[in-house]
């Protein structure tokens, strides 16, 4: 990657993770770089316990754990901030009208659906492990990768902080992140589709499905 590539500074990041490995260290690095953090309730609690300053998503949306937490980030304020083109005057007007601000970085990983299925969980527990809001965040950020970086894997965190230290992400980095993000959501939703398609009355098919998830 050439050092002359233009980098987009990160001013505001949205964090919502199921796998919390490395998230405190990442958040500390982002805050040290002067980046404003917004997080969902579970992630926020972990970060605040580690003395990392973060704004709750509920402070933007006005909803806390609606439908037992099923709806946290599925809100126009959040997705407007992810999908807006900052160079588009109409987009800027729309953001101002609803009091939204753009995000330049989204850090998200999904409920571990396949792991829950492999554990032998009940059908209801498997349904509960189907991530909706996280997938929507990933897809919105990846769609707008011209302006937004999307991070789906804790293994990327050191590279994320390295890019931040250099002034932000390049267009090429954001495109690679978007490609990985869409591959990830495709694999995730394919596993869900196979689970729904498997007959709970057919032991052979259930065992075959379990092997596909491995």
N, C-alpha and C. Protein backbone atom coordinates (compact mmCIF):
# COMPACT_ATOMS: atom_id res chain seq x y z
N UNK A 1 0.85 -1.19 0.00
CA UNK A 1 0.00 0.00 0.00
C UNK A 1 0.88 1.23 0.00
N UNK A 2 0.70 2.08 -0.97
CA UNK A 2 1.56 3.24 -1.09
C UNK A 2 1.30 4.26 0.00
N UNK A 3 2.37 4.90 0.44
CA UNK A 3 2.23 5.86 1.53
C UNK A 3 1.53 7.13 1.06
N UNK A 4 1.45 7.33 -0.29
CA UNK A 4 0.83 8.54 -0.80
C UNK A 4 -0.67 8.46 -0.91
N UNK A 5 -1.27 7.33 -0.60
CA UNK A 5 -2.72 7.20 -0.70
C UNK A 5 -3.42 8.10 0.30
N UNK A 6 -4.47 8.77 -0.17
CA UNK A 6 -5.22 9.66 0.70
C UNK A 6 -5.97 8.87 1.76
N UNK A 7 -5.96 9.38 2.97
CA UNK A 7 -6.63 8.72 4.09
C UNK A 7 -7.76 9.61 4.61
N UNK A 8 -8.86 8.98 4.97
CA UNK A 8 -10.02 9.69 5.51
C UNK A 8 -9.96 9.66 7.03
N UNK A 9 -9.87 10.80 7.68
CA UNK A 9 -9.80 10.82 9.15
C UNK A 9 -11.05 10.23 9.78
N UNK A 10 -10.89 9.65 10.94
CA UNK A 10 -12.00 9.09 11.70
C UNK A 10 -12.31 10.03 12.85
N UNK A 11 -13.54 10.51 12.89
CA UNK A 11 -13.96 11.40 13.96
C UNK A 11 -14.94 10.72 14.92
N UNK A 12 -15.68 9.74 14.39
CA UNK A 12 -16.77 9.17 15.17
C UNK A 12 -16.91 7.69 14.82
N UNK A 13 -17.00 6.84 15.82
CA UNK A 13 -17.07 5.40 15.60
C UNK A 13 -18.24 4.81 16.37
N UNK A 14 -18.86 3.80 15.75
CA UNK A 14 -19.95 3.04 16.38
C UNK A 14 -19.44 1.64 16.68
N UNK A 15 -19.63 1.18 17.90
CA UNK A 15 -19.12 -0.12 18.33
C UNK A 15 -20.27 -0.96 18.88
N UNK A 16 -20.40 -2.19 18.37
CA UNK A 16 -21.42 -3.12 18.88
C UNK A 16 -20.89 -4.53 18.65
N UNK A 17 -20.40 -5.16 19.71
CA UNK A 17 -19.74 -6.44 19.53
C UNK A 17 -20.32 -7.51 20.43
N UNK A 18 -20.33 -8.73 19.90
CA UNK A 18 -20.66 -9.92 20.68
C UNK A 18 -19.38 -10.52 21.26
N UNK A 19 -18.36 -10.62 20.42
CA UNK A 19 -17.04 -11.09 20.84
C UNK A 19 -16.27 -9.86 21.35
N UNK A 20 -16.07 -9.79 22.66
CA UNK A 20 -15.45 -8.60 23.26
C UNK A 20 -13.93 -8.67 23.33
N UNK A 21 -13.36 -9.71 22.76
CA UNK A 21 -11.90 -9.86 22.78
C UNK A 21 -11.22 -8.65 22.14
N UNK A 22 -10.36 -7.99 22.89
CA UNK A 22 -9.58 -6.88 22.36
C UNK A 22 -10.32 -5.57 22.22
N UNK A 23 -11.61 -5.54 22.59
CA UNK A 23 -12.39 -4.33 22.33
C UNK A 23 -11.98 -3.17 23.24
N UNK A 24 -11.59 -3.48 24.48
CA UNK A 24 -11.18 -2.40 25.38
C UNK A 24 -9.91 -1.74 24.86
N UNK A 25 -8.96 -2.54 24.43
CA UNK A 25 -7.70 -1.99 23.92
C UNK A 25 -7.95 -1.16 22.67
N UNK A 26 -8.83 -1.66 21.79
CA UNK A 26 -9.15 -0.90 20.59
C UNK A 26 -9.81 0.42 20.96
N UNK A 27 -10.79 0.37 21.84
CA UNK A 27 -11.51 1.59 22.21
C UNK A 27 -10.58 2.60 22.87
N UNK A 28 -9.67 2.13 23.69
CA UNK A 28 -8.71 3.05 24.31
C UNK A 28 -7.86 3.73 23.24
N UNK A 29 -7.43 2.94 22.25
CA UNK A 29 -6.64 3.52 21.17
C UNK A 29 -7.42 4.54 20.36
N UNK A 30 -8.69 4.25 20.12
CA UNK A 30 -9.52 5.19 19.38
C UNK A 30 -9.74 6.48 20.17
N UNK A 31 -10.01 6.34 21.45
CA UNK A 31 -10.20 7.53 22.28
C UNK A 31 -8.91 8.34 22.36
N UNK A 32 -7.77 7.67 22.44
CA UNK A 32 -6.48 8.37 22.49
C UNK A 32 -6.28 9.19 21.23
N UNK A 33 -6.83 8.71 20.13
CA UNK A 33 -6.73 9.42 18.86
C UNK A 33 -7.78 10.52 18.73
N UNK A 34 -8.59 10.71 19.77
CA UNK A 34 -9.58 11.78 19.77
C UNK A 34 -10.88 11.43 19.10
N UNK A 35 -11.15 10.13 18.93
CA UNK A 35 -12.34 9.69 18.23
C UNK A 35 -13.50 9.54 19.22
N UNK A 36 -14.66 10.08 18.85
CA UNK A 36 -15.86 9.95 19.66
C UNK A 36 -16.43 8.54 19.49
N UNK A 37 -16.79 7.89 20.58
CA UNK A 37 -17.30 6.52 20.54
C UNK A 37 -18.77 6.48 20.93
N UNK A 38 -19.53 5.71 20.16
CA UNK A 38 -20.93 5.41 20.46
C UNK A 38 -21.05 3.89 20.51
N UNK A 39 -21.72 3.35 21.51
CA UNK A 39 -21.78 1.89 21.65
C UNK A 39 -23.15 1.44 22.13
N UNK A 40 -23.50 0.19 21.76
CA UNK A 40 -24.70 -0.43 22.28
C UNK A 40 -24.50 -0.77 23.76
N UNK A 41 -25.59 -1.05 24.46
CA UNK A 41 -25.55 -1.10 25.92
C UNK A 41 -24.54 -2.10 26.48
N UNK A 42 -24.54 -3.33 25.96
CA UNK A 42 -23.62 -4.33 26.49
C UNK A 42 -22.17 -3.93 26.28
N UNK A 43 -21.88 -3.44 25.09
CA UNK A 43 -20.51 -3.00 24.78
C UNK A 43 -20.16 -1.77 25.60
N UNK A 44 -21.10 -0.86 25.72
CA UNK A 44 -20.86 0.36 26.52
C UNK A 44 -20.51 0.02 27.96
N UNK A 45 -21.23 -0.94 28.54
CA UNK A 45 -20.97 -1.30 29.93
C UNK A 45 -19.54 -1.82 30.11
N UNK A 46 -19.09 -2.63 29.16
CA UNK A 46 -17.73 -3.17 29.24
C UNK A 46 -16.70 -2.04 29.13
N UNK A 47 -16.94 -1.11 28.21
CA UNK A 47 -15.99 -0.02 28.01
C UNK A 47 -15.98 0.94 29.20
N UNK A 48 -17.15 1.24 29.74
CA UNK A 48 -17.20 2.15 30.88
C UNK A 48 -16.59 1.52 32.12
N UNK A 49 -16.73 0.20 32.27
CA UNK A 49 -16.07 -0.49 33.38
C UNK A 49 -14.55 -0.37 33.27
N UNK A 50 -14.07 -0.19 32.04
CA UNK A 50 -12.63 -0.04 31.80
C UNK A 50 -12.23 1.44 31.72
N UNK A 51 -13.15 2.31 32.16
CA UNK A 51 -12.90 3.76 32.18
C UNK A 51 -12.67 4.35 30.79
N UNK A 52 -13.38 3.81 29.80
CA UNK A 52 -13.33 4.36 28.45
C UNK A 52 -14.60 5.17 28.23
N UNK A 53 -14.45 6.43 27.87
CA UNK A 53 -15.60 7.30 27.67
C UNK A 53 -16.34 6.92 26.39
N UNK A 54 -17.66 6.70 26.51
CA UNK A 54 -18.45 6.27 25.36
C UNK A 54 -19.89 6.74 25.53
N UNK A 55 -20.52 7.12 24.43
CA UNK A 55 -21.92 7.52 24.45
C UNK A 55 -22.79 6.32 24.11
N UNK A 56 -23.88 6.09 24.84
CA UNK A 56 -24.75 4.96 24.53
C UNK A 56 -25.59 5.23 23.28
N UNK A 57 -25.82 4.20 22.50
CA UNK A 57 -26.70 4.31 21.35
C UNK A 57 -28.07 4.83 21.77
N UNK A 58 -28.53 4.38 22.92
CA UNK A 58 -29.84 4.80 23.40
C UNK A 58 -29.92 6.31 23.59
N UNK A 59 -28.78 6.96 23.83
CA UNK A 59 -28.77 8.41 23.94
C UNK A 59 -29.09 9.09 22.63
N UNK A 60 -28.84 8.40 21.51
CA UNK A 60 -29.15 8.94 20.19
C UNK A 60 -30.57 8.58 19.77
N UNK A 61 -30.97 7.35 20.05
CA UNK A 61 -32.24 6.86 19.53
C UNK A 61 -33.41 7.09 20.47
N UNK A 62 -33.12 7.20 21.77
CA UNK A 62 -34.18 7.33 22.76
C UNK A 62 -34.82 6.02 23.16
N UNK A 63 -34.25 4.88 22.68
CA UNK A 63 -34.79 3.57 23.01
C UNK A 63 -33.71 2.74 23.71
N UNK A 64 -34.07 2.13 24.84
CA UNK A 64 -33.16 1.25 25.55
C UNK A 64 -33.75 -0.15 25.59
N UNK A 65 -33.08 -1.10 24.95
CA UNK A 65 -33.50 -2.50 24.98
C UNK A 65 -34.96 -2.69 24.59
N UNK A 66 -35.38 -2.06 23.53
CA UNK A 66 -36.73 -2.25 23.04
C UNK A 66 -36.91 -3.69 22.59
N UNK A 67 -38.04 -4.30 22.92
CA UNK A 67 -38.33 -5.71 22.62
C UNK A 67 -37.22 -6.62 23.17
N UNK A 68 -36.88 -6.40 24.44
CA UNK A 68 -35.86 -7.21 25.13
C UNK A 68 -34.51 -7.16 24.42
N UNK A 69 -34.19 -6.01 23.86
CA UNK A 69 -32.89 -5.85 23.23
C UNK A 69 -32.86 -6.22 21.76
N UNK A 70 -34.00 -6.65 21.19
CA UNK A 70 -33.99 -7.02 19.78
C UNK A 70 -33.78 -5.80 18.88
N UNK A 71 -34.18 -4.64 19.37
CA UNK A 71 -34.03 -3.43 18.57
C UNK A 71 -33.16 -2.45 19.35
N UNK A 72 -31.93 -2.28 18.87
CA UNK A 72 -31.02 -1.34 19.49
C UNK A 72 -30.52 -0.31 18.47
N UNK A 73 -30.09 -0.78 17.34
CA UNK A 73 -29.48 0.10 16.34
C UNK A 73 -30.32 0.24 15.08
N UNK A 74 -31.48 -0.42 15.02
CA UNK A 74 -32.35 -0.32 13.84
C UNK A 74 -33.15 0.98 13.94
N UNK A 75 -32.48 2.07 13.63
CA UNK A 75 -33.08 3.39 13.83
C UNK A 75 -32.53 4.35 12.77
N UNK A 76 -33.38 5.26 12.25
CA UNK A 76 -32.91 6.19 11.22
C UNK A 76 -31.71 7.04 11.64
N UNK A 77 -31.64 7.42 12.90
CA UNK A 77 -30.51 8.23 13.37
C UNK A 77 -29.19 7.49 13.16
N UNK A 78 -29.22 6.18 13.42
CA UNK A 78 -28.00 5.37 13.28
C UNK A 78 -27.67 5.13 11.81
N UNK A 79 -28.64 4.66 11.06
CA UNK A 79 -28.35 4.29 9.68
C UNK A 79 -28.18 5.50 8.76
N UNK A 80 -28.78 6.62 9.11
CA UNK A 80 -28.49 7.84 8.37
C UNK A 80 -27.03 8.23 8.54
N UNK A 81 -26.52 8.05 9.76
CA UNK A 81 -25.11 8.35 10.01
C UNK A 81 -24.16 7.42 9.29
N UNK A 82 -24.64 6.21 8.97
CA UNK A 82 -23.80 5.23 8.27
C UNK A 82 -23.87 5.38 6.75
N UNK A 83 -25.02 5.77 6.25
CA UNK A 83 -25.26 5.76 4.80
C UNK A 83 -25.08 7.12 4.13
N UNK A 84 -24.91 8.17 4.90
CA UNK A 84 -24.83 9.51 4.32
C UNK A 84 -23.52 9.72 3.56
N UNK A 85 -23.63 10.45 2.46
CA UNK A 85 -22.47 10.93 1.71
C UNK A 85 -22.17 12.34 2.21
N UNK A 86 -21.06 12.55 2.91
CA UNK A 86 -20.79 13.88 3.48
C UNK A 86 -20.59 14.96 2.43
N UNK A 87 -20.37 14.56 1.18
CA UNK A 87 -20.20 15.54 0.11
C UNK A 87 -21.51 15.90 -0.59
N UNK A 88 -22.60 15.26 -0.17
CA UNK A 88 -23.90 15.47 -0.77
C UNK A 88 -24.68 16.48 0.09
N UNK A 89 -25.02 17.62 -0.52
CA UNK A 89 -25.68 18.69 0.24
C UNK A 89 -27.03 18.23 0.78
N UNK A 90 -27.79 17.47 -0.01
CA UNK A 90 -29.09 16.99 0.45
C UNK A 90 -28.94 16.04 1.62
N UNK A 91 -27.91 15.19 1.57
CA UNK A 91 -27.67 14.28 2.70
C UNK A 91 -27.34 15.08 3.96
N UNK A 92 -26.49 16.10 3.81
CA UNK A 92 -26.12 16.92 4.96
C UNK A 92 -27.34 17.60 5.55
N UNK A 93 -28.25 18.04 4.70
CA UNK A 93 -29.48 18.68 5.17
C UNK A 93 -30.35 17.69 5.91
N UNK A 94 -30.46 16.47 5.34
CA UNK A 94 -31.27 15.44 6.01
C UNK A 94 -30.71 15.10 7.38
N UNK A 95 -29.38 14.97 7.47
CA UNK A 95 -28.77 14.68 8.77
C UNK A 95 -29.08 15.78 9.77
N UNK A 96 -28.95 17.01 9.33
CA UNK A 96 -29.22 18.14 10.23
C UNK A 96 -30.68 18.16 10.66
N UNK A 97 -31.57 17.82 9.76
CA UNK A 97 -33.00 17.85 10.07
C UNK A 97 -33.37 16.86 11.17
N UNK A 98 -32.68 15.71 11.21
CA UNK A 98 -33.02 14.69 12.21
C UNK A 98 -32.02 14.66 13.37
N UNK A 99 -31.04 15.55 13.33
CA UNK A 99 -30.07 15.61 14.41
C UNK A 99 -29.08 14.47 14.41
N UNK A 100 -28.76 13.95 13.22
CA UNK A 100 -27.82 12.84 13.09
C UNK A 100 -26.44 13.35 12.69
N UNK A 101 -25.43 12.60 13.06
CA UNK A 101 -24.05 12.89 12.66
C UNK A 101 -23.48 11.66 11.96
N UNK A 102 -22.58 11.86 11.01
CA UNK A 102 -22.02 10.70 10.29
C UNK A 102 -21.03 9.91 11.14
N UNK A 103 -20.94 8.62 10.86
CA UNK A 103 -19.90 7.76 11.40
C UNK A 103 -18.87 7.51 10.29
N UNK A 104 -17.61 7.44 10.67
CA UNK A 104 -16.56 7.06 9.72
C UNK A 104 -16.02 5.66 9.97
N UNK A 105 -16.42 5.07 11.10
CA UNK A 105 -15.93 3.74 11.47
C UNK A 105 -17.03 2.98 12.21
N UNK A 106 -17.21 1.72 11.84
CA UNK A 106 -18.13 0.82 12.53
C UNK A 106 -17.37 -0.44 12.91
N UNK A 107 -17.45 -0.82 14.17
CA UNK A 107 -16.82 -2.05 14.66
C UNK A 107 -17.94 -2.96 15.14
N UNK A 108 -18.17 -4.05 14.44
CA UNK A 108 -19.31 -4.92 14.73
C UNK A 108 -18.90 -6.38 14.56
N UNK A 109 -19.31 -7.24 15.47
CA UNK A 109 -19.33 -8.67 15.17
C UNK A 109 -20.65 -9.24 15.66
N UNK A 110 -21.01 -10.38 15.11
CA UNK A 110 -22.38 -10.88 15.19
C UNK A 110 -22.57 -11.93 16.28
N UNK A 111 -23.83 -12.11 16.70
CA UNK A 111 -24.15 -13.20 17.61
C UNK A 111 -23.63 -14.51 16.99
N UNK A 112 -23.06 -15.39 17.80
CA UNK A 112 -22.45 -16.62 17.26
C UNK A 112 -23.50 -17.69 16.94
N UNK A 113 -24.27 -17.47 15.89
CA UNK A 113 -25.38 -18.36 15.57
C UNK A 113 -24.93 -19.80 15.40
N UNK A 114 -23.93 -20.05 14.56
CA UNK A 114 -23.50 -21.42 14.28
C UNK A 114 -23.02 -22.13 15.53
N UNK A 115 -22.33 -21.39 16.40
CA UNK A 115 -21.85 -21.99 17.65
C UNK A 115 -23.03 -22.39 18.54
N UNK A 116 -24.07 -21.57 18.56
CA UNK A 116 -25.26 -21.90 19.35
C UNK A 116 -25.93 -23.15 18.81
N UNK A 117 -26.04 -23.26 17.48
CA UNK A 117 -26.64 -24.45 16.88
C UNK A 117 -25.81 -25.68 17.23
N UNK A 118 -24.50 -25.58 17.09
CA UNK A 118 -23.64 -26.74 17.38
C UNK A 118 -23.71 -27.17 18.84
N UNK A 119 -24.07 -26.23 19.73
CA UNK A 119 -24.11 -26.56 21.16
C UNK A 119 -25.31 -27.43 21.51
N UNK A 120 -26.23 -27.63 20.55
CA UNK A 120 -27.43 -28.41 20.83
C UNK A 120 -28.54 -27.59 21.45
N UNK A 121 -28.48 -26.28 21.28
CA UNK A 121 -29.48 -25.39 21.87
C UNK A 121 -30.86 -25.66 21.28
N UNK A 122 -31.88 -25.21 22.01
CA UNK A 122 -33.26 -25.37 21.55
C UNK A 122 -33.51 -24.48 20.34
N UNK A 123 -34.61 -24.77 19.65
CA UNK A 123 -34.97 -23.97 18.48
C UNK A 123 -35.15 -22.50 18.86
N UNK A 124 -35.76 -22.25 20.00
CA UNK A 124 -35.98 -20.87 20.43
C UNK A 124 -34.65 -20.18 20.73
N UNK A 125 -33.72 -20.90 21.34
CA UNK A 125 -32.41 -20.33 21.62
C UNK A 125 -31.66 -20.04 20.33
N UNK A 126 -31.82 -20.89 19.35
CA UNK A 126 -31.17 -20.66 18.05
C UNK A 126 -31.76 -19.43 17.37
N UNK A 127 -33.07 -19.30 17.44
CA UNK A 127 -33.71 -18.11 16.86
C UNK A 127 -33.21 -16.85 17.54
N UNK A 128 -33.06 -16.90 18.85
CA UNK A 128 -32.60 -15.73 19.60
C UNK A 128 -31.19 -15.34 19.19
N UNK A 129 -30.41 -16.30 18.69
CA UNK A 129 -29.02 -16.04 18.30
C UNK A 129 -28.88 -15.53 16.87
N UNK A 130 -30.00 -15.30 16.20
CA UNK A 130 -29.96 -14.74 14.84
C UNK A 130 -29.82 -13.22 14.95
N UNK A 131 -28.70 -12.72 14.51
CA UNK A 131 -28.40 -11.29 14.61
C UNK A 131 -29.09 -10.54 13.47
N UNK A 132 -29.83 -9.51 13.80
CA UNK A 132 -30.50 -8.67 12.82
C UNK A 132 -29.83 -7.29 12.74
N UNK A 133 -29.76 -6.62 13.88
CA UNK A 133 -29.19 -5.28 13.89
C UNK A 133 -27.73 -5.24 13.47
N UNK A 134 -26.95 -6.22 13.92
CA UNK A 134 -25.53 -6.25 13.57
C UNK A 134 -25.32 -6.42 12.08
N UNK A 135 -26.10 -7.32 11.47
CA UNK A 135 -26.00 -7.53 10.02
C UNK A 135 -26.36 -6.24 9.29
N UNK A 136 -27.40 -5.56 9.76
CA UNK A 136 -27.81 -4.30 9.12
C UNK A 136 -26.71 -3.24 9.23
N UNK A 137 -26.05 -3.16 10.38
CA UNK A 137 -24.95 -2.21 10.55
C UNK A 137 -23.82 -2.51 9.57
N UNK A 138 -23.46 -3.79 9.48
CA UNK A 138 -22.37 -4.18 8.60
C UNK A 138 -22.71 -3.85 7.15
N UNK A 139 -23.92 -4.17 6.74
CA UNK A 139 -24.31 -3.94 5.35
C UNK A 139 -24.37 -2.44 5.03
N UNK A 140 -24.89 -1.64 5.94
CA UNK A 140 -24.95 -0.20 5.70
C UNK A 140 -23.55 0.40 5.58
N UNK A 141 -22.68 0.02 6.51
CA UNK A 141 -21.31 0.56 6.48
C UNK A 141 -20.57 0.10 5.24
N UNK A 142 -20.72 -1.18 4.89
CA UNK A 142 -20.01 -1.70 3.72
C UNK A 142 -20.55 -1.08 2.43
N UNK A 143 -21.85 -0.88 2.35
CA UNK A 143 -22.44 -0.22 1.17
C UNK A 143 -21.83 1.17 0.98
N UNK A 144 -21.57 1.86 2.09
CA UNK A 144 -21.05 3.22 2.03
C UNK A 144 -19.54 3.25 2.29
N UNK A 145 -18.85 2.23 1.81
CA UNK A 145 -17.41 2.11 2.09
C UNK A 145 -16.59 3.23 1.47
N UNK A 146 -17.18 4.00 0.57
CA UNK A 146 -16.49 5.19 0.07
C UNK A 146 -16.16 6.13 1.22
N UNK A 147 -16.99 6.11 2.26
CA UNK A 147 -16.82 7.04 3.37
C UNK A 147 -16.70 6.38 4.73
N UNK A 148 -17.07 5.09 4.83
CA UNK A 148 -17.13 4.43 6.14
C UNK A 148 -16.27 3.17 6.14
N UNK A 149 -15.48 3.00 7.18
CA UNK A 149 -14.70 1.78 7.38
C UNK A 149 -15.50 0.82 8.24
N UNK A 150 -15.49 -0.48 7.90
CA UNK A 150 -16.23 -1.46 8.68
C UNK A 150 -15.27 -2.56 9.13
N UNK A 151 -15.27 -2.83 10.42
CA UNK A 151 -14.34 -3.79 11.03
C UNK A 151 -15.17 -4.89 11.67
N UNK A 152 -14.98 -6.13 11.21
CA UNK A 152 -15.82 -7.25 11.66
C UNK A 152 -15.05 -8.30 12.44
N UNK A 153 -13.74 -8.15 12.57
CA UNK A 153 -12.92 -9.22 13.14
C UNK A 153 -11.95 -8.64 14.16
N UNK A 154 -11.96 -9.13 15.40
CA UNK A 154 -11.00 -8.64 16.39
C UNK A 154 -9.55 -8.78 15.96
N UNK A 155 -9.26 -9.72 15.08
CA UNK A 155 -7.89 -9.89 14.60
C UNK A 155 -7.42 -8.67 13.80
N UNK A 156 -8.35 -7.86 13.34
CA UNK A 156 -7.99 -6.66 12.58
C UNK A 156 -7.60 -5.48 13.47
N UNK A 157 -7.89 -5.54 14.76
CA UNK A 157 -7.77 -4.36 15.61
C UNK A 157 -6.37 -3.72 15.58
N UNK A 158 -5.27 -4.48 15.64
CA UNK A 158 -3.96 -3.82 15.56
C UNK A 158 -3.77 -3.04 14.27
N UNK A 159 -4.25 -3.59 13.15
CA UNK A 159 -4.14 -2.88 11.87
C UNK A 159 -5.02 -1.64 11.85
N UNK A 160 -6.18 -1.74 12.51
CA UNK A 160 -7.07 -0.58 12.60
C UNK A 160 -6.36 0.57 13.30
N UNK A 161 -5.75 0.27 14.44
CA UNK A 161 -5.06 1.32 15.19
C UNK A 161 -3.86 1.86 14.42
N UNK A 162 -3.21 0.99 13.67
CA UNK A 162 -2.08 1.44 12.84
C UNK A 162 -2.57 2.41 11.77
N UNK A 163 -3.70 2.10 11.14
CA UNK A 163 -4.25 3.00 10.13
C UNK A 163 -4.70 4.33 10.75
N UNK A 164 -5.31 4.25 11.92
CA UNK A 164 -5.73 5.47 12.62
C UNK A 164 -4.52 6.36 12.89
N UNK A 165 -3.43 5.74 13.32
CA UNK A 165 -2.22 6.50 13.63
C UNK A 165 -1.64 7.19 12.39
N UNK A 166 -1.93 6.63 11.22
CA UNK A 166 -1.45 7.22 9.97
C UNK A 166 -2.42 8.25 9.39
N UNK A 167 -3.54 8.46 10.06
CA UNK A 167 -4.47 9.47 9.61
C UNK A 167 -5.82 8.96 9.15
N UNK A 168 -6.06 7.65 9.27
CA UNK A 168 -7.33 7.08 8.85
C UNK A 168 -7.15 5.99 7.83
N UNK A 169 -8.24 5.61 7.17
CA UNK A 169 -8.20 4.50 6.21
C UNK A 169 -8.15 5.03 4.78
N UNK A 170 -7.46 4.28 3.93
CA UNK A 170 -7.46 4.61 2.50
C UNK A 170 -8.70 4.01 1.85
N UNK A 171 -8.98 4.45 0.63
CA UNK A 171 -10.11 3.89 -0.11
C UNK A 171 -9.91 2.40 -0.35
N UNK A 172 -8.68 2.00 -0.63
CA UNK A 172 -8.40 0.58 -0.88
C UNK A 172 -8.65 -0.25 0.37
N UNK A 173 -8.26 0.26 1.53
CA UNK A 173 -8.52 -0.46 2.78
C UNK A 173 -10.02 -0.61 3.01
N UNK A 174 -10.75 0.44 2.79
CA UNK A 174 -12.20 0.37 3.02
C UNK A 174 -12.87 -0.60 2.03
N UNK A 175 -12.40 -0.65 0.78
CA UNK A 175 -12.96 -1.60 -0.18
C UNK A 175 -12.69 -3.04 0.25
N UNK A 176 -11.48 -3.30 0.73
CA UNK A 176 -11.17 -4.66 1.20
C UNK A 176 -12.02 -5.02 2.41
N UNK A 177 -12.21 -4.08 3.31
CA UNK A 177 -13.07 -4.32 4.47
C UNK A 177 -14.50 -4.62 4.03
N UNK A 178 -15.00 -3.86 3.06
CA UNK A 178 -16.38 -4.05 2.59
C UNK A 178 -16.54 -5.42 1.94
N UNK A 179 -15.57 -5.83 1.16
CA UNK A 179 -15.64 -7.15 0.52
C UNK A 179 -15.68 -8.25 1.57
N UNK A 180 -14.82 -8.14 2.58
CA UNK A 180 -14.80 -9.13 3.66
C UNK A 180 -16.11 -9.10 4.43
N UNK A 181 -16.67 -7.91 4.62
CA UNK A 181 -17.91 -7.78 5.38
C UNK A 181 -19.07 -8.46 4.66
N UNK A 182 -19.19 -8.26 3.36
CA UNK A 182 -20.28 -8.89 2.62
C UNK A 182 -20.09 -10.40 2.52
N UNK A 183 -18.84 -10.86 2.42
CA UNK A 183 -18.61 -12.31 2.46
C UNK A 183 -19.06 -12.88 3.81
N UNK A 184 -18.77 -12.13 4.86
CA UNK A 184 -19.11 -12.59 6.20
C UNK A 184 -20.61 -12.68 6.39
N UNK A 185 -21.35 -11.64 6.01
CA UNK A 185 -22.80 -11.68 6.18
C UNK A 185 -23.43 -12.74 5.29
N UNK A 186 -22.84 -12.97 4.11
CA UNK A 186 -23.36 -14.02 3.22
C UNK A 186 -23.21 -15.40 3.86
N UNK A 187 -22.04 -15.67 4.43
CA UNK A 187 -21.79 -16.94 5.11
C UNK A 187 -22.71 -17.09 6.32
N UNK A 188 -22.86 -16.03 7.07
CA UNK A 188 -23.69 -16.03 8.28
C UNK A 188 -25.14 -16.35 7.92
N UNK A 189 -25.67 -15.68 6.93
CA UNK A 189 -27.07 -15.88 6.57
C UNK A 189 -27.29 -17.21 5.86
N UNK A 190 -26.27 -17.72 5.18
CA UNK A 190 -26.39 -19.05 4.58
C UNK A 190 -26.55 -20.11 5.66
N UNK A 191 -25.80 -19.96 6.77
CA UNK A 191 -25.93 -20.91 7.88
C UNK A 191 -27.33 -20.85 8.47
N UNK A 192 -27.89 -19.65 8.58
CA UNK A 192 -29.24 -19.51 9.10
C UNK A 192 -30.25 -20.16 8.16
N UNK A 193 -30.07 -19.94 6.85
CA UNK A 193 -30.98 -20.53 5.87
C UNK A 193 -30.95 -22.05 5.93
N UNK A 194 -29.75 -22.63 6.09
CA UNK A 194 -29.64 -24.09 6.19
C UNK A 194 -30.35 -24.59 7.44
N UNK A 195 -30.22 -23.83 8.53
CA UNK A 195 -30.88 -24.25 9.78
C UNK A 195 -32.38 -24.26 9.60
N UNK A 196 -32.93 -23.22 9.00
CA UNK A 196 -34.38 -23.17 8.78
C UNK A 196 -34.83 -24.28 7.83
N UNK A 197 -33.95 -24.63 6.88
CA UNK A 197 -34.32 -25.64 5.90
C UNK A 197 -34.20 -27.06 6.41
N UNK A 198 -33.49 -27.24 7.52
CA UNK A 198 -33.31 -28.59 8.05
C UNK A 198 -34.59 -29.05 8.76
N UNK A 199 -34.94 -30.32 8.57
CA UNK A 199 -36.13 -30.87 9.22
C UNK A 199 -35.77 -31.31 10.63
N UNK A 200 -36.48 -30.79 11.62
CA UNK A 200 -36.21 -31.18 13.00
C UNK A 200 -36.64 -32.61 13.27
N UNK A 201 -37.41 -33.20 12.35
CA UNK A 201 -37.86 -34.58 12.52
C UNK A 201 -36.98 -35.59 11.78
N UNK A 202 -35.95 -35.09 11.13
CA UNK A 202 -35.10 -35.95 10.32
C UNK A 202 -33.70 -35.92 10.92
N UNK A 203 -33.36 -36.93 11.71
CA UNK A 203 -32.08 -36.94 12.40
C UNK A 203 -30.92 -36.87 11.43
N UNK A 204 -31.00 -37.59 10.35
CA UNK A 204 -29.90 -37.61 9.39
C UNK A 204 -29.65 -36.23 8.81
N UNK A 205 -30.75 -35.54 8.45
CA UNK A 205 -30.59 -34.21 7.89
C UNK A 205 -30.06 -33.23 8.92
N UNK A 206 -30.51 -33.36 10.18
CA UNK A 206 -30.03 -32.49 11.23
C UNK A 206 -28.53 -32.68 11.45
N UNK A 207 -28.07 -33.94 11.45
CA UNK A 207 -26.65 -34.20 11.63
C UNK A 207 -25.85 -33.66 10.45
N UNK A 208 -26.41 -33.81 9.24
CA UNK A 208 -25.73 -33.28 8.06
C UNK A 208 -25.60 -31.76 8.15
N UNK A 209 -26.67 -31.10 8.61
CA UNK A 209 -26.65 -29.66 8.75
C UNK A 209 -25.60 -29.23 9.76
N UNK A 210 -25.55 -29.95 10.90
CA UNK A 210 -24.55 -29.60 11.92
C UNK A 210 -23.15 -29.69 11.35
N UNK A 211 -22.87 -30.71 10.54
CA UNK A 211 -21.53 -30.84 9.96
C UNK A 211 -21.23 -29.70 9.00
N UNK A 212 -22.26 -29.17 8.31
CA UNK A 212 -22.04 -28.07 7.39
C UNK A 212 -21.62 -26.79 8.11
N UNK A 213 -22.07 -26.65 9.36
CA UNK A 213 -21.74 -25.46 10.11
C UNK A 213 -20.32 -25.48 10.64
N UNK A 214 -19.68 -26.64 10.62
CA UNK A 214 -18.35 -26.76 11.23
C UNK A 214 -17.27 -26.29 10.26
